[in-house]
Amino acid sequence: MQIPSAPPDTSPERTPATRDIMITVNGKDEVISVAPWSTLLDTLREQLDLTGTKKGCDHGQCGACTVICDGKRVLSCLTLAVMRNGSAITTIEGVEGPDGLHPLQQAFIDHDAFQCGYCTPGQICSAIGLLAEGRAKTREDVKELMSGNLCRCGANIGIIDAIMEVKDGGTHE
Protein backbone atom coordinates (compact mmCIF):
# COMPACT_ATOMS: atom_id res chain seq x y z
CA MET A 1 0.00 0.00 0.00
CA GLN A 2 1.36 3.39 -1.02
CA ILE A 3 1.09 6.28 1.40
CA PRO A 4 -0.06 9.43 -0.39
CA SER A 5 2.33 12.32 -0.20
CA ALA A 6 1.30 15.57 1.40
CA PRO A 7 0.23 18.32 -0.99
CA PRO A 8 2.83 21.06 -1.53
CA ASP A 9 2.74 23.96 0.89
CA THR A 10 1.24 26.86 -1.03
CA SER A 11 0.50 29.08 1.93
CA PRO A 12 1.14 32.81 1.42
CA GLU A 13 4.01 32.76 3.96
CA ARG A 14 5.96 30.32 1.82
CA THR A 15 7.90 32.02 -0.93
CA PRO A 16 9.76 30.36 -3.75
CA ALA A 17 13.47 29.91 -3.28
CA THR A 18 15.24 33.03 -4.45
CA ARG A 19 18.86 33.80 -5.08
CA ASP A 20 20.68 37.05 -4.65
CA ILE A 21 22.54 38.19 -7.73
CA MET A 22 24.72 41.20 -8.37
CA ILE A 23 24.50 42.87 -11.75
CA THR A 24 25.64 46.24 -12.96
CA VAL A 25 22.80 47.87 -14.87
CA ASN A 26 23.53 51.04 -16.81
CA GLY A 27 26.62 51.60 -14.67
CA LYS A 28 24.87 51.10 -11.33
CA ASP A 29 25.54 48.06 -9.15
CA GLU A 30 22.36 46.25 -8.14
CA VAL A 31 21.93 43.35 -5.71
CA ILE A 32 18.54 41.77 -6.21
CA SER A 33 16.72 38.61 -5.17
CA VAL A 34 15.39 36.62 -8.09
CA ALA A 35 13.59 33.33 -8.49
CA PRO A 36 15.67 30.85 -10.48
CA TRP A 37 13.15 30.94 -13.34
CA SER A 38 12.95 34.76 -13.60
CA THR A 39 14.06 36.06 -16.96
CA LEU A 40 16.41 38.98 -17.26
CA LEU A 41 13.60 40.81 -19.10
CA ASP A 42 11.12 40.42 -16.24
CA THR A 43 13.79 41.29 -13.66
CA LEU A 44 14.70 44.51 -15.47
CA ARG A 45 11.09 45.55 -15.96
CA GLU A 46 9.50 44.40 -12.70
CA GLN A 47 12.25 44.75 -10.12
CA LEU A 48 14.35 47.59 -11.51
CA ASP A 49 11.51 49.50 -13.23
CA LEU A 50 13.47 49.69 -16.50
CA THR A 51 10.51 49.43 -18.84
CA GLY A 52 12.29 50.60 -21.99
CA THR A 53 13.17 46.98 -22.69
CA LYS A 54 10.01 45.59 -24.27
CA LYS A 55 8.29 42.24 -24.01
CA GLY A 56 7.27 41.37 -27.53
CA CYS A 57 6.86 37.69 -28.26
CA ASP A 58 8.49 36.32 -25.07
CA HIS A 59 9.94 33.51 -27.25
CA GLY A 60 13.13 35.07 -28.67
CA GLN A 61 11.63 35.63 -32.10
CA CYS A 62 11.16 39.41 -32.35
CA GLY A 63 14.17 41.08 -30.68
CA ALA A 64 12.13 43.72 -28.81
CA CYS A 65 13.81 42.63 -25.56
CA THR A 66 17.40 42.98 -26.79
CA VAL A 67 19.86 44.42 -24.25
CA ILE A 68 23.63 44.55 -24.16
CA CYS A 69 25.21 42.13 -21.71
CA ASP A 70 28.96 42.23 -21.18
CA GLY A 71 29.28 44.00 -24.52
CA LYS A 72 27.19 41.52 -26.49
CA ARG A 73 23.58 41.75 -27.54
CA VAL A 74 21.28 39.22 -25.89
CA LEU A 75 17.59 38.44 -25.93
CA SER A 76 16.61 39.15 -22.34
CA CYS A 77 13.40 37.09 -22.62
CA LEU A 78 15.48 33.94 -23.17
CA THR A 79 18.10 34.72 -20.52
CA LEU A 80 17.59 33.74 -16.91
CA ALA A 81 18.60 36.52 -14.54
CA VAL A 82 20.65 34.11 -12.40
CA MET A 83 22.78 33.33 -15.47
CA ARG A 84 23.91 36.97 -15.54
CA ASN A 85 25.19 37.18 -11.98
CA GLY A 86 28.22 39.50 -12.12
CA SER A 87 27.40 40.82 -15.58
CA ALA A 88 27.24 44.38 -16.88
CA ILE A 89 23.89 45.07 -18.55
CA THR A 90 23.05 48.09 -20.68
CA THR A 91 19.43 48.80 -21.48
CA ILE A 92 18.03 51.54 -23.70
CA GLU A 93 17.89 53.77 -20.60
CA GLY A 94 21.68 53.54 -20.34
CA VAL A 95 22.87 54.12 -23.92
CA GLU A 96 22.75 57.90 -23.84
CA GLY A 97 26.18 59.42 -23.33
CA PRO A 98 27.30 62.40 -21.27
CA ASP A 99 26.93 64.65 -24.31
CA GLY A 100 23.36 63.61 -25.07
CA LEU A 101 21.84 61.00 -27.32
CA HIS A 102 23.87 58.04 -28.50
CA PRO A 103 24.73 58.50 -32.21
CA LEU A 104 22.36 55.65 -33.09
CA GLN A 105 19.51 57.29 -31.20
CA GLN A 106 20.09 60.50 -33.17
CA ALA A 107 20.40 58.59 -36.44
CA PHE A 108 17.09 56.82 -35.76
CA ILE A 109 15.47 60.23 -35.34
CA ASP A 110 17.17 61.65 -38.44
CA HIS A 111 16.11 58.70 -40.62
CA ASP A 112 12.57 58.26 -39.26
CA ALA A 113 13.63 54.77 -38.23
CA PHE A 114 10.56 54.16 -36.11
CA GLN A 115 6.84 54.46 -36.40
CA CYS A 116 5.08 53.04 -33.36
CA GLY A 117 8.43 52.84 -31.53
CA TYR A 118 7.77 49.56 -29.73
CA CYS A 119 10.73 47.76 -31.30
CA THR A 120 13.05 50.79 -31.21
CA PRO A 121 14.79 50.09 -27.85
CA GLY A 122 15.65 46.54 -28.94
CA GLN A 123 16.66 47.74 -32.41
CA ILE A 124 19.04 50.36 -30.98
CA CYS A 125 20.59 47.99 -28.42
CA SER A 126 21.00 45.36 -31.12
CA ALA A 127 22.58 47.90 -33.49
CA ILE A 128 25.04 49.02 -30.80
CA GLY A 129 26.03 45.39 -30.27
CA LEU A 130 26.21 44.81 -34.02
CA LEU A 131 28.59 47.74 -34.53
CA ALA A 132 30.73 46.60 -31.59
CA GLU A 133 31.04 43.13 -33.16
CA GLY A 134 32.64 44.69 -36.23
CA ARG A 135 31.38 41.95 -38.56
CA ALA A 136 29.06 44.09 -40.68
CA LYS A 137 30.96 45.37 -43.70
CA THR A 138 28.11 46.04 -46.14
CA ARG A 139 24.46 47.09 -46.09
CA GLU A 140 23.54 43.44 -46.78
CA ASP A 141 25.60 42.37 -43.76
CA VAL A 142 23.71 44.85 -41.58
CA LYS A 143 20.36 43.60 -42.91
CA GLU A 144 21.31 40.00 -42.20
CA LEU A 145 22.78 40.66 -38.75
CA MET A 146 19.75 42.73 -37.71
CA SER A 147 17.26 40.15 -39.03
CA GLY A 148 16.46 38.96 -35.51
CA ASN A 149 14.93 42.34 -34.70
CA LEU A 150 11.53 42.72 -36.30
CA CYS A 151 9.74 45.97 -37.09
CA ARG A 152 6.12 45.24 -37.84
CA CYS A 153 5.46 48.84 -38.93
CA GLY A 154 7.84 48.67 -41.87
CA ALA A 155 10.54 51.14 -40.81
CA ASN A 156 13.25 48.67 -41.86
CA ILE A 157 14.80 50.91 -44.55
CA GLY A 158 15.12 53.80 -42.09
CA ILE A 159 16.60 51.46 -39.47
CA ILE A 160 19.25 50.15 -41.87
CA ASP A 161 19.95 53.71 -43.12
CA ALA A 162 20.47 54.89 -39.53
CA ILE A 163 22.84 52.02 -38.72
CA MET A 164 24.79 52.54 -41.94
CA GLU A 165 25.18 56.25 -41.19
CA VAL A 166 26.70 55.56 -37.79
CA LYS A 167 28.75 52.62 -39.09
CA ASP A 168 30.28 54.73 -41.87
CA GLY A 169 30.43 57.93 -39.86
CA GLY A 170 28.57 59.78 -42.61
CA THR A 171 25.18 60.28 -44.15
CA HIS A 172 23.18 57.84 -46.26
CA GLU A 173 20.26 59.79 -47.68
Foldseek 3Di string as FASTA:
>chain_A
DDDDDDDDDPDPVDDADWDWFWEAELNRIDTDTDHQQAFQQCCCCPVVVPPCQDDDPLPLQAQSRWKAKQLAIDRRSPHGPVVRRVIYIYFLVNQADPVGRDLLVVLCVVLVLADPCSSVRRLSRQLSSVLSVVPDDDLVSVCVSSVSHDDPVPSVVSSSQSSVCVSVVHHDD
